[in-house]
Amino acid sequence: MGKILLVEDEMWQGKLCSQELRESGYEVDWVTSGEDALATSADNTYDLVILDIYLPGMDGLETMGRILSKDRTVPVILYTAYSTYQDNFLSWAADAYVVKSADLTELKDTIRRVLGDGRDRPRASKPSHPSP
């Protein structure tokens, strides 16, 4: 179904996500830091990256920027406990934004939508500011 890079430093959340996504048919590589995400993505090709924003060392927004600077076509879902970052212009480069929950229904629905809408297509240009 697709190869996903999950970047999540909270062990319980990383185990839950990686297990449920594998059971849904995805291949999942799970790392716990932005630095590990960059190293892993340099050696592998992913259909999707799921990024926590609060990470030790390099945060998820910086990690996303670095990943996208190397491959503008890989879709990114920001997955965080804090909805306040949704309005941060740095998060606009993401294809989707999901607030964490123990129920992964929204995340899995978003993954299906993002992969279904964006697989094998170049990333569309993002507006430099929100539409009125």
N, C-alpha and C. Protein backbone atom coordinates (compact mmCIF):
# COMPACT_ATOMS: atom_id res chain seq x y z
N MET A 1 0.82 -1.21 0.00
CA MET A 1 0.00 0.00 0.00
C MET A 1 0.85 1.25 0.00
N GLY A 2 2.00 1.22 0.61
CA GLY A 2 2.85 2.39 0.64
C GLY A 2 3.89 2.27 1.74
N LYS A 3 4.97 2.99 1.56
CA LYS A 3 6.06 2.99 2.54
C LYS A 3 6.03 4.33 3.27
N ILE A 4 5.95 4.27 4.60
CA ILE A 4 5.79 5.45 5.44
C ILE A 4 6.99 5.59 6.37
N LEU A 5 7.47 6.83 6.50
CA LEU A 5 8.46 7.17 7.52
C LEU A 5 7.70 7.87 8.64
N LEU A 6 7.68 7.26 9.82
CA LEU A 6 7.04 7.81 11.01
C LEU A 6 8.12 8.39 11.90
N VAL A 7 7.98 9.68 12.23
CA VAL A 7 8.95 10.35 13.10
C VAL A 7 8.21 10.75 14.36
N GLU A 8 8.41 9.97 15.43
CA GLU A 8 7.68 10.14 16.69
C GLU A 8 8.58 9.75 17.84
N ASP A 9 8.79 10.69 18.78
CA ASP A 9 9.69 10.41 19.91
C ASP A 9 8.99 9.80 21.11
N GLU A 10 7.67 9.89 21.19
CA GLU A 10 6.94 9.27 22.31
C GLU A 10 6.78 7.78 22.01
N MET A 11 7.36 6.94 22.86
CA MET A 11 7.40 5.51 22.60
C MET A 11 6.01 4.89 22.45
N TRP A 12 5.08 5.18 23.35
CA TRP A 12 3.76 4.58 23.26
C TRP A 12 3.05 4.98 21.97
N GLN A 13 3.19 6.26 21.57
CA GLN A 13 2.53 6.74 20.35
C GLN A 13 3.19 6.12 19.11
N GLY A 14 4.53 6.02 19.12
CA GLY A 14 5.24 5.42 18.00
C GLY A 14 4.88 3.96 17.82
N LYS A 15 4.80 3.22 18.94
CA LYS A 15 4.43 1.80 18.87
C LYS A 15 3.00 1.63 18.37
N LEU A 16 2.09 2.43 18.90
CA LEU A 16 0.69 2.37 18.49
C LEU A 16 0.55 2.66 17.00
N CYS A 17 1.13 3.77 16.55
CA CYS A 17 1.02 4.15 15.14
C CYS A 17 1.65 3.12 14.21
N SER A 18 2.88 2.74 14.50
CA SER A 18 3.57 1.81 13.60
C SER A 18 2.84 0.47 13.54
N GLN A 19 2.35 -0.03 14.67
CA GLN A 19 1.63 -1.30 14.69
C GLN A 19 0.33 -1.21 13.89
N GLU A 20 -0.48 -0.18 14.14
CA GLU A 20 -1.76 -0.06 13.44
C GLU A 20 -1.57 0.18 11.95
N LEU A 21 -0.55 0.95 11.57
CA LEU A 21 -0.31 1.20 10.15
C LEU A 21 0.17 -0.06 9.45
N ARG A 22 1.01 -0.84 10.12
CA ARG A 22 1.44 -2.13 9.54
C ARG A 22 0.24 -3.06 9.38
N GLU A 23 -0.63 -3.10 10.37
CA GLU A 23 -1.83 -3.94 10.28
C GLU A 23 -2.76 -3.47 9.16
N SER A 24 -2.66 -2.20 8.79
CA SER A 24 -3.45 -1.65 7.68
C SER A 24 -2.79 -1.88 6.33
N GLY A 25 -1.61 -2.50 6.34
CA GLY A 25 -0.95 -2.86 5.09
C GLY A 25 0.20 -1.98 4.66
N TYR A 26 0.57 -1.00 5.47
CA TYR A 26 1.68 -0.11 5.12
C TYR A 26 3.00 -0.68 5.62
N GLU A 27 4.06 -0.37 4.92
CA GLU A 27 5.42 -0.64 5.41
C GLU A 27 5.84 0.60 6.18
N VAL A 28 6.29 0.44 7.42
CA VAL A 28 6.58 1.59 8.27
C VAL A 28 8.00 1.50 8.81
N ASP A 29 8.76 2.60 8.63
CA ASP A 29 10.03 2.79 9.32
C ASP A 29 9.78 3.85 10.38
N TRP A 30 10.07 3.52 11.64
CA TRP A 30 9.82 4.44 12.75
C TRP A 30 11.16 4.91 13.31
N VAL A 31 11.32 6.23 13.39
CA VAL A 31 12.50 6.84 14.01
C VAL A 31 12.03 7.84 15.06
N THR A 32 12.94 8.24 15.95
CA THR A 32 12.53 9.06 17.09
C THR A 32 13.09 10.48 17.09
N SER A 33 13.78 10.89 16.03
CA SER A 33 14.32 12.25 15.99
C SER A 33 14.39 12.76 14.55
N GLY A 34 14.47 14.07 14.42
CA GLY A 34 14.63 14.67 13.10
C GLY A 34 15.91 14.26 12.43
N GLU A 35 16.97 14.17 13.20
CA GLU A 35 18.26 13.76 12.64
C GLU A 35 18.18 12.34 12.08
N ASP A 36 17.53 11.43 12.82
CA ASP A 36 17.35 10.06 12.33
C ASP A 36 16.46 10.03 11.09
N ALA A 37 15.47 10.90 11.04
CA ALA A 37 14.59 10.97 9.87
C ALA A 37 15.38 11.38 8.63
N LEU A 38 16.26 12.35 8.77
CA LEU A 38 17.08 12.79 7.62
C LEU A 38 18.01 11.67 7.16
N ALA A 39 18.62 10.98 8.10
CA ALA A 39 19.53 9.89 7.74
C ALA A 39 18.77 8.76 7.07
N THR A 40 17.62 8.40 7.60
CA THR A 40 16.83 7.31 7.04
C THR A 40 16.27 7.68 5.67
N SER A 41 15.79 8.91 5.53
CA SER A 41 15.21 9.32 4.24
C SER A 41 16.28 9.50 3.17
N ALA A 42 17.53 9.69 3.57
CA ALA A 42 18.61 9.77 2.59
C ALA A 42 18.88 8.41 1.96
N ASP A 43 18.61 7.35 2.70
CA ASP A 43 18.89 5.99 2.23
C ASP A 43 17.66 5.26 1.69
N ASN A 44 16.48 5.85 1.83
CA ASN A 44 15.24 5.18 1.44
C ASN A 44 14.32 6.15 0.72
N THR A 45 13.38 5.60 -0.03
CA THR A 45 12.34 6.40 -0.67
C THR A 45 11.03 6.10 0.04
N TYR A 46 10.30 7.15 0.37
CA TYR A 46 9.03 7.00 1.08
C TYR A 46 7.88 7.58 0.28
N ASP A 47 6.71 6.96 0.45
CA ASP A 47 5.49 7.47 -0.15
C ASP A 47 4.87 8.56 0.70
N LEU A 48 5.25 8.60 1.99
CA LEU A 48 4.66 9.54 2.93
C LEU A 48 5.57 9.65 4.15
N VAL A 49 5.62 10.87 4.72
CA VAL A 49 6.32 11.11 5.98
C VAL A 49 5.31 11.65 6.97
N ILE A 50 5.26 11.04 8.16
CA ILE A 50 4.42 11.52 9.26
C ILE A 50 5.36 12.06 10.32
N LEU A 51 5.20 13.34 10.66
CA LEU A 51 6.15 14.02 11.54
C LEU A 51 5.47 14.60 12.78
N ASP A 52 5.99 14.28 13.93
CA ASP A 52 5.64 15.00 15.16
C ASP A 52 6.34 16.36 15.07
N ILE A 53 5.79 17.38 15.69
CA ILE A 53 6.45 18.69 15.67
C ILE A 53 7.47 18.79 16.79
N TYR A 54 7.07 18.39 18.02
CA TYR A 54 8.00 18.46 19.15
C TYR A 54 8.87 17.22 19.16
N LEU A 55 10.12 17.39 18.78
CA LEU A 55 11.10 16.30 18.75
C LEU A 55 12.36 16.76 19.47
N PRO A 56 13.13 15.83 20.02
CA PRO A 56 14.41 16.23 20.63
C PRO A 56 15.36 16.72 19.54
N GLY A 57 16.13 17.74 19.85
CA GLY A 57 17.06 18.28 18.85
C GLY A 57 16.30 19.08 17.80
N MET A 58 16.41 18.67 16.56
CA MET A 58 15.74 19.33 15.45
C MET A 58 14.23 19.07 15.51
N ASP A 59 13.42 20.14 15.49
CA ASP A 59 11.97 19.93 15.57
C ASP A 59 11.40 19.46 14.24
N GLY A 60 10.12 19.11 14.25
CA GLY A 60 9.48 18.56 13.07
C GLY A 60 9.37 19.53 11.91
N LEU A 61 9.19 20.83 12.20
CA LEU A 61 9.08 21.81 11.12
C LEU A 61 10.40 21.95 10.37
N GLU A 62 11.50 22.00 11.11
CA GLU A 62 12.81 22.07 10.46
C GLU A 62 13.10 20.77 9.70
N THR A 63 12.76 19.64 10.31
CA THR A 63 12.95 18.35 9.65
C THR A 63 12.16 18.30 8.34
N MET A 64 10.91 18.75 8.37
CA MET A 64 10.09 18.78 7.17
C MET A 64 10.74 19.63 6.09
N GLY A 65 11.23 20.80 6.46
CA GLY A 65 11.88 21.67 5.49
C GLY A 65 13.08 21.02 4.84
N ARG A 66 13.86 20.32 5.62
CA ARG A 66 15.04 19.65 5.08
C ARG A 66 14.67 18.47 4.19
N ILE A 67 13.67 17.72 4.59
CA ILE A 67 13.22 16.60 3.76
C ILE A 67 12.67 17.12 2.43
N LEU A 68 11.84 18.15 2.49
CA LEU A 68 11.25 18.70 1.27
C LEU A 68 12.28 19.38 0.38
N SER A 69 13.36 19.89 0.96
CA SER A 69 14.39 20.50 0.12
C SER A 69 15.10 19.45 -0.74
N LYS A 70 15.06 18.20 -0.31
CA LYS A 70 15.68 17.11 -1.08
C LYS A 70 14.67 16.42 -2.00
N ASP A 71 13.38 16.39 -1.60
CA ASP A 71 12.35 15.74 -2.41
C ASP A 71 11.02 16.48 -2.21
N ARG A 72 10.71 17.38 -3.12
CA ARG A 72 9.49 18.19 -3.02
C ARG A 72 8.21 17.37 -3.26
N THR A 73 8.34 16.14 -3.74
CA THR A 73 7.15 15.37 -4.08
C THR A 73 6.63 14.50 -2.95
N VAL A 74 7.43 14.27 -1.91
CA VAL A 74 6.99 13.39 -0.83
C VAL A 74 5.94 14.12 0.03
N PRO A 75 4.76 13.51 0.20
CA PRO A 75 3.75 14.14 1.05
C PRO A 75 4.15 14.05 2.53
N VAL A 76 3.76 15.08 3.28
CA VAL A 76 4.07 15.15 4.71
C VAL A 76 2.78 15.42 5.48
N ILE A 77 2.59 14.62 6.54
CA ILE A 77 1.51 14.88 7.50
C ILE A 77 2.16 15.29 8.81
N LEU A 78 1.82 16.47 9.31
CA LEU A 78 2.26 16.87 10.64
C LEU A 78 1.28 16.25 11.63
N TYR A 79 1.83 15.54 12.62
CA TYR A 79 1.03 14.79 13.58
C TYR A 79 1.48 15.22 14.97
N THR A 80 0.67 16.04 15.63
CA THR A 80 1.10 16.66 16.87
C THR A 80 -0.03 16.77 17.88
N ALA A 81 0.32 16.90 19.12
CA ALA A 81 -0.67 17.08 20.18
C ALA A 81 -1.14 18.53 20.28
N TYR A 82 -0.52 19.43 19.52
CA TYR A 82 -0.79 20.86 19.66
C TYR A 82 -1.43 21.42 18.40
N SER A 83 -2.70 21.76 18.48
CA SER A 83 -3.40 22.31 17.32
C SER A 83 -2.94 23.73 16.99
N THR A 84 -2.26 24.40 17.90
CA THR A 84 -1.85 25.79 17.67
C THR A 84 -0.88 25.94 16.50
N TYR A 85 -0.13 24.90 16.17
CA TYR A 85 0.82 25.00 15.06
C TYR A 85 0.13 25.00 13.70
N GLN A 86 -1.15 24.65 13.67
CA GLN A 86 -1.86 24.59 12.40
C GLN A 86 -1.89 25.96 11.73
N ASP A 87 -1.88 27.03 12.50
CA ASP A 87 -1.90 28.38 11.95
C ASP A 87 -0.51 28.95 11.70
N ASN A 88 0.53 28.22 12.08
CA ASN A 88 1.90 28.65 11.88
C ASN A 88 2.26 28.50 10.41
N PHE A 89 2.73 29.58 9.78
CA PHE A 89 2.99 29.52 8.34
C PHE A 89 4.03 28.46 7.98
N LEU A 90 4.89 28.06 8.89
CA LEU A 90 5.87 27.01 8.60
C LEU A 90 5.19 25.66 8.38
N SER A 91 4.00 25.48 8.94
CA SER A 91 3.30 24.21 8.78
C SER A 91 2.54 24.13 7.45
N TRP A 92 2.44 25.23 6.71
CA TRP A 92 1.67 25.25 5.47
C TRP A 92 2.27 24.37 4.39
N ALA A 93 3.55 24.05 4.48
CA ALA A 93 4.18 23.19 3.47
C ALA A 93 3.72 21.74 3.61
N ALA A 94 3.13 21.41 4.74
CA ALA A 94 2.64 20.04 4.95
C ALA A 94 1.38 19.80 4.12
N ASP A 95 1.16 18.56 3.75
CA ASP A 95 -0.03 18.20 2.99
C ASP A 95 -1.25 18.07 3.90
N ALA A 96 -1.00 17.80 5.18
CA ALA A 96 -2.11 17.66 6.13
C ALA A 96 -1.58 17.87 7.54
N TYR A 97 -2.50 18.13 8.43
CA TYR A 97 -2.19 18.39 9.84
C TYR A 97 -3.21 17.62 10.67
N VAL A 98 -2.74 16.72 11.53
CA VAL A 98 -3.63 15.90 12.34
C VAL A 98 -3.22 16.04 13.80
N VAL A 99 -4.21 16.29 14.66
CA VAL A 99 -3.95 16.37 16.10
C VAL A 99 -3.97 14.94 16.65
N LYS A 100 -2.96 14.61 17.46
CA LYS A 100 -2.81 13.26 18.00
C LYS A 100 -4.01 12.84 18.82
N SER A 101 -4.26 11.53 18.75
CA SER A 101 -5.33 10.91 19.51
C SER A 101 -4.98 9.43 19.67
N ALA A 102 -5.50 8.81 20.70
CA ALA A 102 -5.32 7.36 20.86
C ALA A 102 -6.12 6.61 19.81
N ASP A 103 -7.17 7.25 19.27
CA ASP A 103 -7.95 6.70 18.17
C ASP A 103 -7.31 7.18 16.87
N LEU A 104 -6.76 6.27 16.08
CA LEU A 104 -6.01 6.64 14.88
C LEU A 104 -6.88 6.75 13.62
N THR A 105 -8.19 6.77 13.79
CA THR A 105 -9.08 6.84 12.62
C THR A 105 -8.79 8.06 11.77
N GLU A 106 -8.68 9.24 12.36
CA GLU A 106 -8.43 10.46 11.58
C GLU A 106 -7.08 10.38 10.87
N LEU A 107 -6.06 9.89 11.56
CA LEU A 107 -4.75 9.77 10.93
C LEU A 107 -4.82 8.81 9.74
N LYS A 108 -5.44 7.64 9.92
CA LYS A 108 -5.50 6.66 8.83
C LYS A 108 -6.34 7.18 7.66
N ASP A 109 -7.43 7.90 7.96
CA ASP A 109 -8.23 8.50 6.88
C ASP A 109 -7.41 9.55 6.12
N THR A 110 -6.64 10.32 6.86
CA THR A 110 -5.81 11.35 6.23
C THR A 110 -4.72 10.72 5.37
N ILE A 111 -4.12 9.64 5.85
CA ILE A 111 -3.10 8.94 5.06
C ILE A 111 -3.70 8.46 3.75
N ARG A 112 -4.87 7.83 3.81
CA ARG A 112 -5.52 7.34 2.59
C ARG A 112 -5.82 8.49 1.63
N ARG A 113 -6.30 9.60 2.17
CA ARG A 113 -6.62 10.75 1.32
C ARG A 113 -5.36 11.32 0.68
N VAL A 114 -4.32 11.52 1.49
CA VAL A 114 -3.08 12.12 0.97
C VAL A 114 -2.43 11.20 -0.07
N LEU A 115 -2.34 9.93 0.21
CA LEU A 115 -1.73 9.01 -0.75
C LEU A 115 -2.60 8.84 -1.99
N GLY A 116 -3.89 8.84 -1.80
CA GLY A 116 -4.80 8.72 -2.94
C GLY A 116 -4.80 9.93 -3.82
N ASP A 117 -4.65 11.12 -3.22
CA ASP A 117 -4.66 12.36 -3.99
C ASP A 117 -3.30 12.73 -4.56
N GLY A 118 -2.23 12.29 -3.91
CA GLY A 118 -0.94 12.83 -4.29
C GLY A 118 0.09 11.85 -4.78
N ARG A 119 -0.18 10.57 -4.78
CA ARG A 119 0.82 9.58 -5.17
C ARG A 119 1.22 9.78 -6.62
N ASP A 120 2.52 9.72 -6.91
CA ASP A 120 3.08 9.80 -8.26
C ASP A 120 2.80 11.12 -8.95
N ARG A 121 2.49 12.15 -8.20
CA ARG A 121 2.31 13.46 -8.80
C ARG A 121 3.25 14.44 -8.12
N PRO A 122 3.78 15.42 -8.88
CA PRO A 122 4.61 16.43 -8.24
C PRO A 122 3.77 17.23 -7.25
N ARG A 123 4.41 17.72 -6.23
CA ARG A 123 3.76 18.55 -5.22
C ARG A 123 3.28 19.85 -5.87
N ALA A 124 2.06 20.20 -5.61
CA ALA A 124 1.52 21.46 -6.13
C ALA A 124 2.16 22.62 -5.40
N SER A 125 2.26 23.74 -6.06
CA SER A 125 2.79 24.93 -5.42
C SER A 125 1.87 25.34 -4.30
N LYS A 126 2.45 25.71 -3.19
CA LYS A 126 1.66 26.19 -2.06
C LYS A 126 1.60 27.71 -2.14
N PRO A 127 0.46 28.32 -1.83
CA PRO A 127 0.40 29.78 -1.82
C PRO A 127 1.31 30.33 -0.74
N SER A 128 1.83 31.52 -0.97
CA SER A 128 2.71 32.13 0.02
C SER A 128 1.93 32.71 1.18
N HIS A 129 0.60 32.82 1.04
CA HIS A 129 -0.25 33.30 2.11
C HIS A 129 -1.62 32.64 1.97
N PRO A 130 -2.40 32.60 3.04
CA PRO A 130 -3.70 31.93 2.96
C PRO A 130 -4.64 32.66 2.03
N SER A 131 -5.58 31.93 1.43
CA SER A 131 -6.58 32.54 0.58
C SER A 131 -7.56 33.32 1.43
N PRO A 132 -8.12 34.40 0.88
CA PRO A 132 -9.09 35.17 1.68
C PRO A 132 -10.37 34.44 1.88
